[in-house]
């Protein structure tokens, strides 16, 4: 009788644990349907946005190049595999996957693509820095306006408006800083890829 109770209790605990893990198993970021006619040819890849119509997805291209351009929320798909944004953010993982013979292409073309990626990443960093500077200047101006209104005895409505504008400016500054960090990471990745291409030449 004691053995039966232990077995029942163990079964109940196992069932509870397995039921608790069902949502985690069900949440598989790789589970989305790609129509067979929209899969990239063997040896190529494609950036895929789940929920976007197949006809509006970006065209296929070289896997190693596209692996550096996948934005958050999108995936890189090959003819028989797919990778999430999080996997592709790991530079070591990306190089381990895309250095194999299935995803190799001519070194000269690699270098051209890597140089272009570095130039684009530099441009993005420059634009994000300029945007951040503009947002900081707007924040500084709105703070000065708030101080002036307080000193001049402005009404509560004007002060509330000034504070709302400052909160909006702060949100823009945070967003600009995040964009700049991401652009700097992309530039670092692109430079690393270019150095590896040149070493392999």
Foldseek 3Di string as FASTA:
>chain_A
DVVVVVVVVVVVVVVVVVVVCVVVVVPDLPDDDDPLVLAADFLWKFKAAGPDDSVPGDHIDQQLLVLLVHDARIWIGHNPDIGHVVQSLPLVSSCVPQVDPRRDDDLVVLLVSLVVQLVVLVVQLVVLVVQLVVLVVQLVVLVVVLVVCVVVVHDPVVNVVSVVSNVVSVVSNVVSVVSNVVSVSSNVSSVVSNVVSVVVD
